[in-house]
Amino acid sequence: MPLEDVFRQLLQHLDPTPSREGLAETPARMAKAWSEWTSGYQKNAGEILKCFEDGSDGCDQMVVVRDIPIHSVCEHHGAAIFGTATIGYLPNGKIVGLSKLSRLADMFARRLQVQERMTNQIADALSEHLEPLGCGVVITARHMCMESRGVCQQGTSTVTSALRGSFRDDPQTRAEFLTWTRP
């Protein structure tokens, strides 16, 4: 069944007058929006994380990109999740273009998600494809499923982290990375 038809049926269940003018084009708009919000399923981390060995000479210090905007959809309620990700790694002979870290976060965010899994997926993909000495991901996000329904706690943030290699095992590296994640 085409996605547009799914949303047309949904509107028939939700609105007493689903054929009114204001809703006439809504199923098409919803299908387009949901296709964009879940476009991460069509992307591949290996293709995004194209590595460079030239240019990595002497790169033996941490690389961190902070405040990467993320927008996702809660797989339990279909509600928005939004916030920021901080991604860092310690090069091991290879580097990636900095925009690739943002693209990686976006790829996993644009799937039906829970924040804990998304954080780990980003760290695991970075570890697998870049093979750094260590890497870390910290996501701070707001969940509309918590803010607009159920407990209705507006303004709360959830923070998750995933640390790999030296970011997990070396206390000094871990502390340095976590210092970079603070606002």
C-alpha atoms as a PDB file:
ATOM      1  CA  MET A   1       0.000   0.000   0.000  1.00  0.00           C
ATOM      2  CA  PRO A   2       1.451   3.407  -0.912  1.00  0.00           C
ATOM      3  CA  LEU A   3       2.424   5.540   2.064  1.00  0.00           C
ATOM      4  CA  GLU A   4       0.038   8.295   0.966  1.00  0.00           C
ATOM      5  CA  ASP A   5      -2.881   5.852   1.259  1.00  0.00           C
ATOM      6  CA  VAL A   6      -1.755   4.855   4.756  1.00  0.00           C
ATOM      7  CA  PHE A   7      -1.913   8.484   5.867  1.00  0.00           C
ATOM      8  CA  ARG A   8      -5.262   8.998   4.145  1.00  0.00           C
ATOM      9  CA  GLN A   9      -6.641   6.080   6.206  1.00  0.00           C
ATOM     10  CA  LEU A  10      -5.068   7.480   9.375  1.00  0.00           C
ATOM     11  CA  LEU A  11      -6.784  10.828   8.825  1.00  0.00           C
ATOM     12  CA  GLN A  12     -10.107   9.037   8.347  1.00  0.00           C
ATOM     13  CA  HIS A  13      -9.670   7.595  11.850  1.00  0.00           C
ATOM     14  CA  LEU A  14      -8.494  10.831  13.461  1.00  0.00           C
ATOM     15  CA  ASP A  15     -10.559  13.641  11.952  1.00  0.00           C
ATOM     16  CA  PRO A  16     -14.365  13.689  11.803  1.00  0.00           C
ATOM     17  CA  THR A  17     -14.203  15.449   8.411  1.00  0.00           C
ATOM     18  CA  PRO A  18     -11.128  14.027   6.656  1.00  0.00           C
ATOM     19  CA  SER A  19     -12.289  15.257   3.242  1.00  0.00           C
ATOM     20  CA  ARG A  20     -12.253  18.946   4.222  1.00  0.00           C
ATOM     21  CA  GLU A  21     -10.134  21.337   2.151  1.00  0.00           C
ATOM     22  CA  GLY A  22      -7.390  21.750   4.759  1.00  0.00           C
ATOM     23  CA  LEU A  23      -6.668  18.021   4.696  1.00  0.00           C
ATOM     24  CA  ALA A  24      -6.959  17.449   0.943  1.00  0.00           C
ATOM     25  CA  GLU A  25      -3.201  17.426   0.317  1.00  0.00           C
ATOM     26  CA  THR A  26      -2.148  16.291   3.798  1.00  0.00           C
ATOM     27  CA  PRO A  27      -1.666  12.579   2.957  1.00  0.00           C
ATOM     28  CA  ALA A  28       0.820  13.498   0.199  1.00  0.00           C
ATOM     29  CA  ARG A  29       2.623  15.961   2.461  1.00  0.00           C
ATOM     30  CA  MET A  30       2.792  13.407   5.291  1.00  0.00           C
ATOM     31  CA  ALA A  31       4.152  10.727   2.965  1.00  0.00           C
ATOM     32  CA  LYS A  32       6.840  13.107   1.721  1.00  0.00           C
ATOM     33  CA  ALA A  33       7.757  14.175   5.270  1.00  0.00           C
ATOM     34  CA  TRP A  34       7.950  10.608   6.609  1.00  0.00           C
ATOM     35  CA  SER A  35      10.035   9.544   3.623  1.00  0.00           C
ATOM     36  CA  GLU A  36      12.514  12.296   4.502  1.00  0.00           C
ATOM     37  CA  TRP A  37      12.413  11.563   8.253  1.00  0.00           C
ATOM     38  CA  THR A  38      13.258   7.899   7.576  1.00  0.00           C
ATOM     39  CA  SER A  39      15.683   8.389   4.669  1.00  0.00           C
ATOM     40  CA  GLY A  40      18.576   7.013   6.724  1.00  0.00           C
ATOM     41  CA  TYR A  41      17.565   3.467   5.807  1.00  0.00           C
ATOM     42  CA  GLN A  42      18.698   4.149   2.233  1.00  0.00           C
ATOM     43  CA  LYS A  43      22.201   5.252   3.275  1.00  0.00           C
ATOM     44  CA  ASN A  44      25.342   3.266   4.037  1.00  0.00           C
ATOM     45  CA  ALA A  45      27.925   4.182   6.680  1.00  0.00           C
ATOM     46  CA  GLY A  46      30.781   2.723   4.632  1.00  0.00           C
ATOM     47  CA  GLU A  47      29.972   5.017   1.723  1.00  0.00           C
ATOM     48  CA  ILE A  48      29.674   8.041   3.994  1.00  0.00           C
ATOM     49  CA  LEU A  49      32.949   7.429   5.843  1.00  0.00           C
ATOM     50  CA  LYS A  50      35.320   7.660   2.918  1.00  0.00           C
ATOM     51  CA  CYS A  51      38.749   7.806   4.574  1.00  0.00           C
ATOM     52  CA  PHE A  52      41.871   9.741   3.667  1.00  0.00           C
ATOM     53  CA  GLU A  53      45.321   8.454   4.472  1.00  0.00           C
ATOM     54  CA  ASP A  54      47.068  11.441   2.939  1.00  0.00           C
ATOM     55  CA  GLY A  55      46.611  14.436   5.183  1.00  0.00           C
ATOM     56  CA  SER A  56      46.660  12.283   8.284  1.00  0.00           C
ATOM     57  CA  ASP A  57      50.434  12.665   8.756  1.00  0.00           C
ATOM     58  CA  GLY A  58      51.042  13.827  12.291  1.00  0.00           C
ATOM     59  CA  CYS A  59      47.342  13.597  13.176  1.00  0.00           C
ATOM     60  CA  ASP A  60      47.701  11.975  16.550  1.00  0.00           C
ATOM     61  CA  GLN A  61      45.344  14.177  18.539  1.00  0.00           C
ATOM     62  CA  MET A  62      41.617  14.000  19.046  1.00  0.00           C
ATOM     63  CA  VAL A  63      39.231  15.199  16.334  1.00  0.00           C
ATOM     64  CA  VAL A  64      35.857  16.329  17.698  1.00  0.00           C
ATOM     65  CA  VAL A  65      32.794  17.769  15.973  1.00  0.00           C
ATOM     66  CA  ARG A  66      30.338  19.245  18.475  1.00  0.00           C
ATOM     67  CA  ASP A  67      26.721  20.311  18.394  1.00  0.00           C
ATOM     68  CA  ILE A  68      25.691  18.319  15.316  1.00  0.00           C
ATOM     69  CA  PRO A  69      21.914  18.802  15.034  1.00  0.00           C
ATOM     70  CA  ILE A  70      19.948  15.563  15.027  1.00  0.00           C
ATOM     71  CA  HIS A  71      16.283  14.989  14.270  1.00  0.00           C
ATOM     72  CA  SER A  72      14.806  11.550  14.678  1.00  0.00           C
ATOM     73  CA  VAL A  73      11.534   9.749  15.284  1.00  0.00           C
ATOM     74  CA  CYS A  74      10.832   7.658  18.380  1.00  0.00           C
ATOM     75  CA  GLU A  75      10.139   4.098  17.304  1.00  0.00           C
ATOM     76  CA  HIS A  76       7.741   3.594  20.213  1.00  0.00           C
ATOM     77  CA  HIS A  77       5.402   6.556  19.663  1.00  0.00           C
ATOM     78  CA  GLY A  78       6.284   8.111  16.294  1.00  0.00           C
ATOM     79  CA  ALA A  79       7.100  11.360  18.103  1.00  0.00           C
ATOM     80  CA  ALA A  80      10.006  13.672  17.359  1.00  0.00           C
ATOM     81  CA  ILE A  81      13.414  13.385  18.996  1.00  0.00           C
ATOM     82  CA  PHE A  82      15.731  16.344  18.530  1.00  0.00           C
ATOM     83  CA  GLY A  83      18.996  17.506  19.959  1.00  0.00           C
ATOM     84  CA  THR A  84      22.708  17.450  19.267  1.00  0.00           C
ATOM     85  CA  ALA A  85      25.476  14.924  18.892  1.00  0.00           C
ATOM     86  CA  THR A  86      29.162  15.275  19.637  1.00  0.00           C
ATOM     87  CA  ILE A  87      31.402  12.819  17.809  1.00  0.00           C
ATOM     88  CA  GLY A  88      35.120  12.417  18.330  1.00  0.00           C
ATOM     89  CA  TYR A  89      37.883  10.044  17.343  1.00  0.00           C
ATOM     90  CA  LEU A  90      41.599   9.535  17.738  1.00  0.00           C
ATOM     91  CA  PRO A  91      43.102   8.947  14.253  1.00  0.00           C
ATOM     92  CA  ASN A  92      45.039   5.774  13.554  1.00  0.00           C
ATOM     93  CA  GLY A  93      46.546   6.685  10.175  1.00  0.00           C
ATOM     94  CA  LYS A  94      43.226   7.657   8.543  1.00  0.00           C
ATOM     95  CA  ILE A  95      40.988  10.696   8.772  1.00  0.00           C
ATOM     96  CA  VAL A  96      37.587  11.565   7.334  1.00  0.00           C
ATOM     97  CA  GLY A  97      36.180  14.841   6.092  1.00  0.00           C
ATOM     98  CA  LEU A  98      34.596  16.585   9.053  1.00  0.00           C
ATOM     99  CA  SER A  99      31.212  16.793   7.338  1.00  0.00           C
ATOM    100  CA  LYS A 100      31.181  12.991   7.206  1.00  0.00           C
ATOM    101  CA  LEU A 101      30.703  12.850  10.973  1.00  0.00           C
ATOM    102  CA  SER A 102      27.596  15.022  10.645  1.00  0.00           C
ATOM    103  CA  ARG A 103      26.351  12.870   7.765  1.00  0.00           C
ATOM    104  CA  LEU A 104      26.881   9.717   9.828  1.00  0.00           C
ATOM    105  CA  ALA A 105      24.839  11.117  12.721  1.00  0.00           C
ATOM    106  CA  ASP A 106      22.111  12.198  10.302  1.00  0.00           C
ATOM    107  CA  MET A 107      22.008   8.772   8.637  1.00  0.00           C
ATOM    108  CA  PHE A 108      21.270   6.979  11.911  1.00  0.00           C
ATOM    109  CA  ALA A 109      18.962   9.738  13.183  1.00  0.00           C
ATOM    110  CA  ARG A 110      16.792   9.453  10.074  1.00  0.00           C
ATOM    111  CA  ARG A 111      15.496   6.053  11.081  1.00  0.00           C
ATOM    112  CA  LEU A 112      12.897   4.977  13.614  1.00  0.00           C
ATOM    113  CA  GLN A 113      15.045   5.086  16.730  1.00  0.00           C
ATOM    114  CA  VAL A 114      15.674   4.961  20.410  1.00  0.00           C
ATOM    115  CA  GLN A 115      18.444   7.305  21.495  1.00  0.00           C
ATOM    116  CA  GLU A 116      20.519   4.619  23.197  1.00  0.00           C
ATOM    117  CA  ARG A 117      20.758   2.490  20.035  1.00  0.00           C
ATOM    118  CA  MET A 118      21.422   5.492  17.778  1.00  0.00           C
ATOM    119  CA  THR A 119      24.362   6.542  19.970  1.00  0.00           C
ATOM    120  CA  ASN A 120      25.881   3.066  19.762  1.00  0.00           C
ATOM    121  CA  GLN A 121      25.246   2.727  16.022  1.00  0.00           C
ATOM    122  CA  ILE A 122      27.201   5.901  15.313  1.00  0.00           C
ATOM    123  CA  ALA A 123      30.137   4.798  17.501  1.00  0.00           C
ATOM    124  CA  ASP A 124      30.164   1.272  16.040  1.00  0.00           C
ATOM    125  CA  ALA A 125      30.099   2.536  12.444  1.00  0.00           C
ATOM    126  CA  LEU A 126      32.949   4.946  13.151  1.00  0.00           C
ATOM    127  CA  SER A 127      34.985   2.156  14.788  1.00  0.00           C
ATOM    128  CA  GLU A 128      34.331  -0.287  11.958  1.00  0.00           C
ATOM    129  CA  HIS A 129      34.979   1.980   8.984  1.00  0.00           C
ATOM    130  CA  LEU A 130      37.627   4.394  10.283  1.00  0.00           C
ATOM    131  CA  GLU A 131      39.418   2.015  12.679  1.00  0.00           C
ATOM    132  CA  PRO A 132      40.514   4.827  15.040  1.00  0.00           C
ATOM    133  CA  LEU A 133      42.465   4.267  18.234  1.00  0.00           C
ATOM    134  CA  GLY A 134      39.274   5.286  19.979  1.00  0.00           C
ATOM    135  CA  CYS A 135      36.051   7.140  19.427  1.00  0.00           C
ATOM    136  CA  GLY A 136      33.126   8.524  21.329  1.00  0.00           C
ATOM    137  CA  VAL A 137      29.611   9.774  20.762  1.00  0.00           C
ATOM    138  CA  VAL A 138      27.484  11.797  23.153  1.00  0.00           C
ATOM    139  CA  ILE A 139      23.907  12.694  22.246  1.00  0.00           C
ATOM    140  CA  THR A 140      21.769  15.153  24.189  1.00  0.00           C
ATOM    141  CA  ALA A 141      18.177  15.152  23.009  1.00  0.00           C
ATOM    142  CA  ARG A 142      14.611  16.046  23.848  1.00  0.00           C
ATOM    143  CA  HIS A 143      11.852  13.503  23.303  1.00  0.00           C
ATOM    144  CA  MET A 144       8.383  14.704  22.384  1.00  0.00           C
ATOM    145  CA  CYS A 145       6.978  11.364  23.543  1.00  0.00           C
ATOM    146  CA  MET A 146       7.970  12.450  27.073  1.00  0.00           C
ATOM    147  CA  GLU A 147       7.162  16.134  26.697  1.00  0.00           C
ATOM    148  CA  SER A 148       3.794  16.058  24.939  1.00  0.00           C
ATOM    149  CA  ARG A 149       2.153  12.877  26.255  1.00  0.00           C
ATOM    150  CA  GLY A 150       2.314  10.595  29.260  1.00  0.00           C
ATOM    151  CA  VAL A 151       4.437  12.251  31.940  1.00  0.00           C
ATOM    152  CA  CYS A 152       4.439  15.630  30.057  1.00  0.00           C
ATOM    153  CA  GLN A 153       7.804  16.815  31.363  1.00  0.00           C
ATOM    154  CA  GLN A 154       8.677  19.760  29.110  1.00  0.00           C
ATOM    155  CA  GLY A 155      12.300  20.780  28.667  1.00  0.00           C
ATOM    156  CA  THR A 156      13.934  17.577  29.890  1.00  0.00           C
ATOM    157  CA  SER A 157      17.010  16.269  28.109  1.00  0.00           C
ATOM    158  CA  THR A 158      18.326  12.756  27.818  1.00  0.00           C
ATOM    159  CA  VAL A 159      22.089  12.232  27.515  1.00  0.00           C
ATOM    160  CA  THR A 160      23.597   9.014  26.151  1.00  0.00           C
ATOM    161  CA  SER A 161      27.185   8.089  25.416  1.00  0.00           C
ATOM    162  CA  ALA A 162      29.069   5.367  23.579  1.00  0.00           C
ATOM    163  CA  LEU A 163      32.833   5.135  24.015  1.00  0.00           C
ATOM    164  CA  ARG A 164      35.116   2.767  22.122  1.00  0.00           C
ATOM    165  CA  GLY A 165      38.822   1.913  22.322  1.00  0.00           C
ATOM    166  CA  SER A 166      41.007   4.468  24.099  1.00  0.00           C
ATOM    167  CA  PHE A 167      37.987   6.705  24.728  1.00  0.00           C
ATOM    168  CA  ARG A 168      36.613   3.981  26.973  1.00  0.00           C
ATOM    169  CA  ASP A 169      39.817   2.373  28.283  1.00  0.00           C
ATOM    170  CA  ASP A 170      42.197   5.307  28.879  1.00  0.00           C
ATOM    171  CA  PRO A 171      40.986   7.583  31.701  1.00  0.00           C
ATOM    172  CA  GLN A 172      42.906  10.610  30.381  1.00  0.00           C
ATOM    173  CA  THR A 173      41.530  10.261  26.828  1.00  0.00           C
ATOM    174  CA  ARG A 174      38.036   9.649  28.192  1.00  0.00           C
ATOM    175  CA  ALA A 175      38.233  12.774  30.372  1.00  0.00           C
ATOM    176  CA  GLU A 176      39.543  14.885  27.483  1.00  0.00           C
ATOM    177  CA  PHE A 177      36.698  13.799  25.193  1.00  0.00           C
ATOM    178  CA  LEU A 178      34.017  14.290  27.810  1.00  0.00           C
ATOM    179  CA  THR A 179      35.395  17.772  28.491  1.00  0.00           C
ATOM    180  CA  TRP A 180      34.854  18.600  24.819  1.00  0.00           C
ATOM    181  CA  THR A 181      31.222  17.506  25.024  1.00  0.00           C
ATOM    182  CA  ARG A 182      30.268  20.100  27.621  1.00  0.00           C
ATOM    183  CA  PRO A 183      28.450  23.217  26.405  1.00  0.00           C
END
